[in-house]
Amino acid sequence: NAHNFPLDLAAIDVPSING
């Protein structure tokens, strides 16, 4: 999940804090 702000912990590509 490169769209997430922290490290890829869940391997789910969803928009997170950093979008």
Protein backbone atom coordinates (compact mmCIF):
# COMPACT_ATOMS: atom_id res chain seq x y z
CA ASN A 1 0.00 0.00 0.00
CA ALA A 2 2.18 2.79 -1.29
CA HIS A 3 -0.66 5.24 -0.73
CA ASN A 4 -0.40 4.90 3.02
CA PHE A 5 1.65 7.28 5.15
CA PRO A 6 3.35 4.70 7.43
CA LEU A 7 5.14 1.53 6.32
CA ASP A 8 3.26 -1.09 4.38
CA LEU A 9 2.05 -3.11 7.35
CA ALA A 10 -1.21 -4.43 5.96
CA ALA A 11 -0.42 -4.79 2.25
CA ILE A 12 -3.80 -3.18 1.51
CA ASP A 13 -3.61 -0.34 -0.96
CA VAL A 14 -6.03 2.19 0.51
CA PRO A 15 -5.76 5.96 1.00
CA SER A 16 -4.55 6.63 4.52
CA ILE A 17 -3.37 9.74 6.39
CA ASN A 18 -1.11 10.82 3.52
CA GLY A 19 -3.65 9.81 0.92
